Amino acid sequence: MQYRRTFHPGGSFFFTVVTARRRPLFAAPDAVALLGTALRAVRRLRPFDVDAIVVLPDHLHCIWTLPEGDADFMMRWRLVKTWFVKHWSYKQVWQRRYWEHLLRDERDFANHVDYIHFNPVRHGLVAQASEWPYSSFQRYVAGGVYANDWGGEFLERAGVGRE
């Protein structure tokens, strides 16, 4: 089966990127910091917006919006992964592939932002989203999108995000 990626210039994309053999590489704060440095370095070369992100021990989820007329997220991911590997102590860091989804509309975007921010709760790492330090959640709280106590156990029981 041949996998076909979706290209949409200026689009917003949801990504899931996993470490090799699901090694909990990002349980180390210095690995998370280095990932942030890699993202900033690539953004200077090939601009894009990181609309939302969560970094968990063995994978990350994020939403990127590319500049108008630009659909090349593949090169950006190649650069991020390569930059990280060049600056990290061992070389088998990433799974070869990643998963992406073109966000179709505002509701799809909002649902994926909720998914990103609720993910540490879903994985049992924290009781509510505000407790996870490696996420864009606090940026959304500061912007008035979420209350600081959003994403607690009541959402998990109900199985919902933002309505």
N, C-alpha and C. Protein backbone atom coordinates (compact mmCIF):
# COMPACT_ATOMS: atom_id res chain seq x y z
N MET A 1 0.85 -1.18 0.00
CA MET A 1 0.00 0.00 0.00
C MET A 1 0.90 1.25 0.00
N GLN A 2 0.57 2.17 -0.85
CA GLN A 2 1.35 3.41 -0.93
C GLN A 2 0.62 4.52 -0.19
N TYR A 3 1.34 5.17 0.73
CA TYR A 3 0.77 6.25 1.52
C TYR A 3 0.86 7.55 0.76
N ARG A 4 -0.23 8.30 0.73
CA ARG A 4 -0.25 9.58 0.04
C ARG A 4 -0.48 10.69 1.05
N ARG A 5 0.41 11.66 1.05
CA ARG A 5 0.29 12.79 1.96
C ARG A 5 -0.58 13.87 1.32
N THR A 6 -1.21 14.65 2.17
CA THR A 6 -2.03 15.77 1.72
C THR A 6 -1.19 17.04 1.75
N PHE A 7 -1.18 17.76 0.65
CA PHE A 7 -0.47 19.03 0.58
C PHE A 7 -1.49 20.13 0.34
N HIS A 8 -1.42 21.16 1.18
CA HIS A 8 -2.34 22.29 1.05
C HIS A 8 -1.55 23.54 1.42
N PRO A 9 -1.13 24.32 0.43
CA PRO A 9 -0.34 25.53 0.73
C PRO A 9 -1.06 26.44 1.72
N GLY A 10 -0.31 26.87 2.74
CA GLY A 10 -0.87 27.75 3.76
C GLY A 10 -1.78 27.06 4.74
N GLY A 11 -1.84 25.73 4.69
CA GLY A 11 -2.74 24.97 5.54
C GLY A 11 -2.26 24.82 6.97
N SER A 12 -3.19 24.37 7.79
CA SER A 12 -2.89 24.00 9.17
C SER A 12 -2.95 22.49 9.26
N PHE A 13 -1.92 21.90 9.87
CA PHE A 13 -1.78 20.45 9.93
C PHE A 13 -1.57 20.00 11.37
N PHE A 14 -2.22 18.90 11.72
CA PHE A 14 -2.01 18.22 12.99
C PHE A 14 -1.00 17.10 12.74
N PHE A 15 0.00 17.00 13.61
CA PHE A 15 1.04 15.98 13.47
C PHE A 15 1.16 15.16 14.74
N THR A 16 1.48 13.89 14.56
CA THR A 16 1.92 13.02 15.64
C THR A 16 3.28 12.49 15.23
N VAL A 17 4.28 12.70 16.08
CA VAL A 17 5.65 12.25 15.82
C VAL A 17 6.07 11.41 17.02
N VAL A 18 6.63 10.23 16.75
CA VAL A 18 6.92 9.24 17.79
C VAL A 18 8.42 8.96 17.84
N THR A 19 8.93 8.71 19.03
CA THR A 19 10.34 8.34 19.18
C THR A 19 10.56 6.90 18.73
N ALA A 20 11.79 6.58 18.38
CA ALA A 20 12.14 5.22 17.96
C ALA A 20 11.85 4.24 19.08
N ARG A 21 11.17 3.16 18.74
CA ARG A 21 10.81 2.11 19.70
C ARG A 21 10.08 2.66 20.93
N ARG A 22 9.45 3.79 20.75
CA ARG A 22 8.70 4.46 21.82
C ARG A 22 9.55 4.68 23.07
N ARG A 23 10.83 4.90 22.87
CA ARG A 23 11.73 5.21 23.98
C ARG A 23 11.27 6.51 24.63
N PRO A 24 11.19 6.58 25.97
CA PRO A 24 10.69 7.79 26.65
C PRO A 24 11.75 8.89 26.70
N LEU A 25 12.25 9.24 25.56
CA LEU A 25 13.31 10.24 25.41
C LEU A 25 12.93 11.57 26.05
N PHE A 26 11.67 12.00 25.86
CA PHE A 26 11.26 13.32 26.33
C PHE A 26 10.79 13.32 27.78
N ALA A 27 11.11 12.24 28.51
CA ALA A 27 10.94 12.27 29.96
C ALA A 27 12.05 13.13 30.57
N ALA A 28 13.12 13.35 29.80
CA ALA A 28 14.24 14.19 30.25
C ALA A 28 13.99 15.64 29.83
N PRO A 29 13.96 16.57 30.79
CA PRO A 29 13.71 17.98 30.46
C PRO A 29 14.71 18.55 29.45
N ASP A 30 15.96 18.09 29.47
CA ASP A 30 16.93 18.62 28.51
C ASP A 30 16.60 18.19 27.08
N ALA A 31 15.98 17.03 26.91
CA ALA A 31 15.55 16.60 25.57
C ALA A 31 14.40 17.47 25.07
N VAL A 32 13.48 17.81 25.96
CA VAL A 32 12.36 18.69 25.59
C VAL A 32 12.89 20.07 25.21
N ALA A 33 13.84 20.58 25.99
CA ALA A 33 14.44 21.88 25.69
C ALA A 33 15.15 21.86 24.35
N LEU A 34 15.86 20.78 24.06
CA LEU A 34 16.57 20.67 22.78
C LEU A 34 15.57 20.61 21.62
N LEU A 35 14.46 19.93 21.81
CA LEU A 35 13.42 19.90 20.77
C LEU A 35 12.92 21.31 20.50
N GLY A 36 12.69 22.08 21.55
CA GLY A 36 12.26 23.48 21.38
C GLY A 36 13.29 24.29 20.60
N THR A 37 14.56 24.07 20.90
CA THR A 37 15.63 24.77 20.18
C THR A 37 15.63 24.35 18.71
N ALA A 38 15.43 23.07 18.45
CA ALA A 38 15.38 22.59 17.06
C ALA A 38 14.22 23.23 16.30
N LEU A 39 13.07 23.29 16.92
CA LEU A 39 11.91 23.91 16.27
C LEU A 39 12.18 25.38 15.96
N ARG A 40 12.75 26.10 16.92
CA ARG A 40 13.04 27.53 16.69
C ARG A 40 14.08 27.70 15.58
N ALA A 41 15.09 26.85 15.53
CA ALA A 41 16.13 26.94 14.49
C ALA A 41 15.52 26.72 13.11
N VAL A 42 14.65 25.75 12.98
CA VAL A 42 14.03 25.47 11.68
C VAL A 42 13.05 26.57 11.31
N ARG A 43 12.32 27.10 12.29
CA ARG A 43 11.38 28.19 12.01
C ARG A 43 12.09 29.43 11.47
N ARG A 44 13.33 29.66 11.90
CA ARG A 44 14.10 30.80 11.36
C ARG A 44 14.44 30.58 9.89
N LEU A 45 14.71 29.35 9.50
CA LEU A 45 15.05 29.02 8.11
C LEU A 45 13.83 28.91 7.22
N ARG A 46 12.80 28.26 7.73
CA ARG A 46 11.57 27.99 6.98
C ARG A 46 10.39 28.29 7.90
N PRO A 47 9.90 29.51 7.89
CA PRO A 47 8.87 29.93 8.85
C PRO A 47 7.61 29.07 8.83
N PHE A 48 7.04 28.92 10.00
CA PHE A 48 5.73 28.30 10.21
C PHE A 48 5.31 28.65 11.62
N ASP A 49 4.01 28.58 11.87
CA ASP A 49 3.48 28.85 13.21
C ASP A 49 3.24 27.52 13.93
N VAL A 50 3.63 27.45 15.18
CA VAL A 50 3.29 26.32 16.04
C VAL A 50 2.06 26.78 16.82
N ASP A 51 0.89 26.34 16.37
CA ASP A 51 -0.36 26.80 16.97
C ASP A 51 -0.66 26.11 18.29
N ALA A 52 -0.26 24.86 18.42
CA ALA A 52 -0.45 24.11 19.66
C ALA A 52 0.55 22.97 19.67
N ILE A 53 0.98 22.56 20.87
CA ILE A 53 1.95 21.47 20.98
C ILE A 53 1.85 20.85 22.36
N VAL A 54 2.11 19.55 22.41
CA VAL A 54 2.33 18.83 23.65
C VAL A 54 3.43 17.82 23.39
N VAL A 55 4.38 17.76 24.32
CA VAL A 55 5.48 16.81 24.22
C VAL A 55 5.33 15.84 25.39
N LEU A 56 5.09 14.57 25.06
CA LEU A 56 4.97 13.51 26.05
C LEU A 56 6.25 12.68 26.03
N PRO A 57 6.43 11.77 26.97
CA PRO A 57 7.71 11.05 27.04
C PRO A 57 8.15 10.37 25.75
N ASP A 58 7.21 9.79 25.00
CA ASP A 58 7.61 9.03 23.81
C ASP A 58 7.00 9.51 22.50
N HIS A 59 6.30 10.62 22.53
CA HIS A 59 5.74 11.18 21.29
C HIS A 59 5.33 12.62 21.52
N LEU A 60 5.00 13.28 20.42
CA LEU A 60 4.49 14.64 20.52
C LEU A 60 3.38 14.83 19.52
N HIS A 61 2.51 15.76 19.82
CA HIS A 61 1.45 16.19 18.92
C HIS A 61 1.59 17.69 18.76
N CYS A 62 1.35 18.18 17.56
CA CYS A 62 1.37 19.63 17.36
C CYS A 62 0.54 20.01 16.16
N ILE A 63 0.22 21.29 16.10
CA ILE A 63 -0.45 21.88 14.94
C ILE A 63 0.47 22.96 14.41
N TRP A 64 0.76 22.85 13.13
CA TRP A 64 1.55 23.88 12.44
C TRP A 64 0.67 24.52 11.38
N THR A 65 0.81 25.83 11.22
CA THR A 65 0.22 26.52 10.08
C THR A 65 1.37 27.04 9.23
N LEU A 66 1.33 26.67 7.95
CA LEU A 66 2.39 27.05 7.02
C LEU A 66 2.07 28.40 6.38
N PRO A 67 3.11 29.07 5.88
CA PRO A 67 2.88 30.36 5.20
C PRO A 67 2.04 30.17 3.93
N GLU A 68 1.36 31.21 3.57
CA GLU A 68 0.56 31.22 2.33
C GLU A 68 1.44 30.78 1.16
N GLY A 69 0.93 29.87 0.36
CA GLY A 69 1.65 29.40 -0.82
C GLY A 69 2.70 28.34 -0.54
N ASP A 70 2.85 27.91 0.70
CA ASP A 70 3.88 26.94 1.08
C ASP A 70 3.21 25.69 1.66
N ALA A 71 3.55 24.52 1.13
CA ALA A 71 2.98 23.26 1.62
C ALA A 71 4.04 22.28 2.09
N ASP A 72 5.28 22.73 2.22
CA ASP A 72 6.39 21.81 2.46
C ASP A 72 6.66 21.54 3.95
N PHE A 73 5.72 20.87 4.59
CA PHE A 73 5.95 20.46 5.97
C PHE A 73 6.94 19.31 6.05
N MET A 74 7.06 18.52 4.97
CA MET A 74 7.98 17.38 4.98
C MET A 74 9.43 17.83 5.18
N MET A 75 9.85 18.86 4.47
CA MET A 75 11.21 19.37 4.64
C MET A 75 11.41 19.92 6.04
N ARG A 76 10.42 20.60 6.56
CA ARG A 76 10.54 21.15 7.91
C ARG A 76 10.72 20.03 8.94
N TRP A 77 9.94 18.96 8.84
CA TRP A 77 10.11 17.85 9.77
C TRP A 77 11.48 17.19 9.59
N ARG A 78 11.92 17.04 8.37
CA ARG A 78 13.25 16.47 8.13
C ARG A 78 14.32 17.32 8.81
N LEU A 79 14.20 18.64 8.69
CA LEU A 79 15.17 19.54 9.31
C LEU A 79 15.11 19.49 10.84
N VAL A 80 13.90 19.46 11.40
CA VAL A 80 13.76 19.38 12.86
C VAL A 80 14.39 18.10 13.38
N LYS A 81 14.04 16.97 12.77
CA LYS A 81 14.58 15.68 13.22
C LYS A 81 16.10 15.63 13.07
N THR A 82 16.60 16.10 11.94
CA THR A 82 18.05 16.08 11.70
C THR A 82 18.78 16.98 12.69
N TRP A 83 18.26 18.19 12.90
CA TRP A 83 18.89 19.12 13.84
C TRP A 83 18.96 18.48 15.22
N PHE A 84 17.86 17.88 15.67
CA PHE A 84 17.82 17.27 16.99
C PHE A 84 18.86 16.15 17.10
N VAL A 85 18.90 15.27 16.11
CA VAL A 85 19.84 14.13 16.14
C VAL A 85 21.29 14.61 16.18
N LYS A 86 21.60 15.66 15.43
CA LYS A 86 22.97 16.18 15.41
C LYS A 86 23.40 16.71 16.77
N HIS A 87 22.46 17.12 17.59
CA HIS A 87 22.78 17.74 18.87
C HIS A 87 22.46 16.84 20.07
N TRP A 88 22.02 15.61 19.83
CA TRP A 88 21.67 14.69 20.90
C TRP A 88 22.73 13.61 21.02
N SER A 89 22.76 12.92 22.14
CA SER A 89 23.85 11.98 22.43
C SER A 89 23.74 10.63 21.72
N TYR A 90 22.58 10.25 21.25
CA TYR A 90 22.49 9.01 20.48
C TYR A 90 21.63 9.26 19.25
N LYS A 91 21.76 8.38 18.28
CA LYS A 91 21.26 8.68 16.94
C LYS A 91 19.89 8.11 16.62
N GLN A 92 19.49 7.02 17.25
CA GLN A 92 18.17 6.47 16.94
C GLN A 92 17.14 7.15 17.83
N VAL A 93 16.63 8.24 17.32
CA VAL A 93 15.71 9.07 18.10
C VAL A 93 14.28 8.93 17.62
N TRP A 94 14.07 8.94 16.32
CA TRP A 94 12.73 9.07 15.74
C TRP A 94 12.29 7.82 15.00
N GLN A 95 10.98 7.57 15.01
CA GLN A 95 10.43 6.65 14.04
C GLN A 95 10.57 7.31 12.67
N ARG A 96 10.71 6.51 11.64
CA ARG A 96 10.93 7.07 10.30
C ARG A 96 9.79 7.97 9.85
N ARG A 97 8.61 7.56 10.08
CA ARG A 97 7.45 8.30 9.57
C ARG A 97 6.78 9.07 10.70
N TYR A 98 5.80 9.87 10.32
CA TYR A 98 4.95 10.58 11.27
C TYR A 98 3.57 10.62 10.66
N TRP A 99 2.59 11.01 11.45
CA TRP A 99 1.23 11.07 10.96
C TRP A 99 0.82 12.52 10.88
N GLU A 100 0.17 12.88 9.77
CA GLU A 100 -0.34 14.24 9.65
C GLU A 100 -1.79 14.22 9.19
N HIS A 101 -2.48 15.30 9.53
CA HIS A 101 -3.88 15.46 9.16
C HIS A 101 -4.09 16.93 8.81
N LEU A 102 -4.60 17.19 7.62
CA LEU A 102 -4.95 18.55 7.21
C LEU A 102 -6.21 18.96 7.96
N LEU A 103 -6.13 20.04 8.71
CA LEU A 103 -7.30 20.52 9.45
C LEU A 103 -8.26 21.20 8.49
N ARG A 104 -9.49 20.75 8.48
CA ARG A 104 -10.47 21.14 7.47
C ARG A 104 -11.15 22.49 7.72
N ASP A 105 -11.38 22.78 9.02
CA ASP A 105 -12.13 24.00 9.34
C ASP A 105 -11.86 24.37 10.80
N GLU A 106 -12.52 25.41 11.27
CA GLU A 106 -12.29 25.90 12.63
C GLU A 106 -12.65 24.85 13.69
N ARG A 107 -13.72 24.12 13.47
CA ARG A 107 -14.12 23.09 14.44
C ARG A 107 -13.09 21.97 14.50
N ASP A 108 -12.60 21.54 13.35
CA ASP A 108 -11.56 20.51 13.30
C ASP A 108 -10.30 21.01 14.01
N PHE A 109 -9.95 22.27 13.77
CA PHE A 109 -8.79 22.88 14.43
C PHE A 109 -8.98 22.87 15.96
N ALA A 110 -10.14 23.36 16.42
CA ALA A 110 -10.41 23.43 17.86
C ALA A 110 -10.43 22.04 18.50
N ASN A 111 -11.00 21.06 17.83
CA ASN A 111 -11.02 19.69 18.36
C ASN A 111 -9.61 19.13 18.52
N HIS A 112 -8.74 19.43 17.56
CA HIS A 112 -7.36 18.94 17.65
C HIS A 112 -6.55 19.70 18.70
N VAL A 113 -6.83 20.98 18.89
CA VAL A 113 -6.18 21.72 19.97
C VAL A 113 -6.59 21.10 21.31
N ASP A 114 -7.87 20.79 21.47
CA ASP A 114 -8.33 20.13 22.70
C ASP A 114 -7.64 18.77 22.87
N TYR A 115 -7.57 18.01 21.81
CA TYR A 115 -6.92 16.70 21.87
C TYR A 115 -5.47 16.83 22.34
N ILE A 116 -4.76 17.78 21.77
CA ILE A 116 -3.36 18.02 22.14
C ILE A 116 -3.26 18.32 23.63
N HIS A 117 -4.06 19.24 24.10
CA HIS A 117 -3.92 19.69 25.49
C HIS A 117 -4.45 18.67 26.50
N PHE A 118 -5.38 17.82 26.10
CA PHE A 118 -5.92 16.81 26.99
C PHE A 118 -5.06 15.54 27.00
N ASN A 119 -4.15 15.39 26.07
CA ASN A 119 -3.39 14.16 25.91
C ASN A 119 -2.63 13.72 27.16
N PRO A 120 -1.97 14.61 27.91
CA PRO A 120 -1.30 14.15 29.14
C PRO A 120 -2.28 13.57 30.17
N VAL A 121 -3.50 14.09 30.21
CA VAL A 121 -4.53 13.56 31.10
C VAL A 121 -4.95 12.18 30.60
N ARG A 122 -5.19 12.07 29.31
CA ARG A 122 -5.60 10.80 28.70
C ARG A 122 -4.57 9.70 28.97
N HIS A 123 -3.29 10.06 28.97
CA HIS A 123 -2.23 9.08 29.21
C HIS A 123 -1.96 8.85 30.70
N GLY A 124 -2.71 9.52 31.57
CA GLY A 124 -2.56 9.32 33.01
C GLY A 124 -1.33 9.97 33.60
N LEU A 125 -0.76 10.94 32.91
CA LEU A 125 0.45 11.61 33.39
C LEU A 125 0.13 12.72 34.40
N VAL A 126 -1.06 13.30 34.28
CA VAL A 126 -1.51 14.37 35.18
C VAL A 126 -3.03 14.25 35.34
N ALA A 127 -3.57 14.94 36.35
CA ALA A 127 -5.02 14.92 36.59
C ALA A 127 -5.75 15.96 35.74
N GLN A 128 -5.06 17.05 35.38
CA GLN A 128 -5.67 18.05 34.51
C GLN A 128 -4.59 18.70 33.65
N ALA A 129 -5.00 19.26 32.55
CA ALA A 129 -4.06 19.75 31.53
C ALA A 129 -3.07 20.78 32.06
N SER A 130 -3.49 21.60 33.00
CA SER A 130 -2.61 22.67 33.50
C SER A 130 -1.39 22.14 34.24
N GLU A 131 -1.41 20.89 34.66
CA GLU A 131 -0.30 20.29 35.40
C GLU A 131 0.85 19.84 34.51
N TRP A 132 0.62 19.71 33.20
CA TRP A 132 1.66 19.21 32.30
C TRP A 132 2.53 20.38 31.83
N PRO A 133 3.84 20.33 32.08
CA PRO A 133 4.69 21.48 31.76
C PRO A 133 5.07 21.63 30.28
N TYR A 134 4.95 20.57 29.49
CA TYR A 134 5.47 20.60 28.11
C TYR A 134 4.33 20.70 27.10
N SER A 135 3.66 21.82 27.14
CA SER A 135 2.46 22.01 26.34
C SER A 135 2.21 23.50 26.12
N SER A 136 1.45 23.79 25.12
CA SER A 136 1.05 25.18 24.86
C SER A 136 -0.22 25.55 25.64
N PHE A 137 -0.65 24.68 26.54
CA PHE A 137 -1.89 24.91 27.27
C PHE A 137 -1.93 26.27 27.96
N GLN A 138 -0.86 26.65 28.67
CA GLN A 138 -0.88 27.92 29.41
C GLN A 138 -1.00 29.12 28.48
N ARG A 139 -0.49 29.00 27.26
CA ARG A 139 -0.66 30.08 26.27
C ARG A 139 -2.15 30.25 25.95
N TYR A 140 -2.89 29.14 25.87
CA TYR A 140 -4.32 29.19 25.59
C TYR A 140 -5.10 29.71 26.80
N VAL A 141 -4.64 29.40 28.01
CA VAL A 141 -5.26 29.96 29.22
C VAL A 141 -5.08 31.48 29.21
N ALA A 142 -3.85 31.93 28.95
CA ALA A 142 -3.56 33.37 28.92
C ALA A 142 -4.38 34.08 27.85
N GLY A 143 -4.67 33.38 26.75
CA GLY A 143 -5.48 33.96 25.67
C GLY A 143 -6.97 33.88 25.91
N GLY A 144 -7.39 33.30 27.03
CA GLY A 144 -8.81 33.22 27.36
C GLY A 144 -9.56 32.07 26.70
N VAL A 145 -8.85 31.15 26.07
CA VAL A 145 -9.51 30.02 25.41
C VAL A 145 -9.94 28.98 26.43
N TYR A 146 -9.11 28.73 27.42
CA TYR A 146 -9.39 27.74 28.46
C TYR A 146 -9.35 28.41 29.83
N ALA A 147 -10.09 27.83 30.76
CA ALA A 147 -9.90 28.13 32.18
C ALA A 147 -8.72 27.27 32.64
N ASN A 148 -8.03 27.70 33.67
CA ASN A 148 -6.86 26.97 34.13
C ASN A 148 -7.20 25.54 34.59
N ASP A 149 -8.45 25.30 35.02
CA ASP A 149 -8.83 23.97 35.48
C ASP A 149 -9.47 23.11 34.38
N TRP A 150 -9.41 23.58 33.13
CA TRP A 150 -9.94 22.80 32.01
C TRP A 150 -9.17 21.49 31.88
N GLY A 151 -9.87 20.46 31.44
CA GLY A 151 -9.20 19.20 31.15
C GLY A 151 -9.01 18.32 32.35
N GLY A 152 -9.85 18.51 33.34
CA GLY A 152 -9.77 17.64 34.51
C GLY A 152 -10.52 16.34 34.28
N GLU A 153 -10.71 15.61 35.33
CA GLU A 153 -11.31 14.28 35.24
C GLU A 153 -12.73 14.31 34.69
N PHE A 154 -13.47 15.40 34.91
CA PHE A 154 -14.85 15.46 34.41
C PHE A 154 -14.90 15.34 32.89
N LEU A 155 -13.91 15.91 32.21
CA LEU A 155 -13.89 15.78 30.75
C LEU A 155 -13.58 14.36 30.32
N GLU A 156 -12.68 13.70 31.02
CA GLU A 156 -12.34 12.32 30.69
C GLU A 156 -13.56 11.42 30.85
N ARG A 157 -14.28 11.58 31.95
CA ARG A 157 -15.48 10.76 32.18
C ARG A 157 -16.53 11.02 31.11
N ALA A 158 -16.68 12.28 30.73
CA ALA A 158 -17.68 12.64 29.74
C ALA A 158 -17.23 12.32 28.32
N GLY A 159 -15.91 12.19 28.12
CA GLY A 159 -15.39 11.88 26.79
C GLY A 159 -15.51 13.05 25.82
N VAL A 160 -15.44 14.28 26.33
CA VAL A 160 -15.61 15.43 25.46
C VAL A 160 -14.48 16.44 25.66
N GLY A 161 -14.32 17.30 24.67
CA GLY A 161 -13.46 18.46 24.77
C GLY A 161 -14.35 19.68 24.77
N ARG A 162 -13.97 20.70 24.02
CA ARG A 162 -14.77 21.92 23.91
C ARG A 162 -15.99 21.63 23.03
N GLU A 163 -17.14 22.09 23.46
CA GLU A 163 -18.37 21.88 22.66
C GLU A 163 -18.59 23.04 21.72
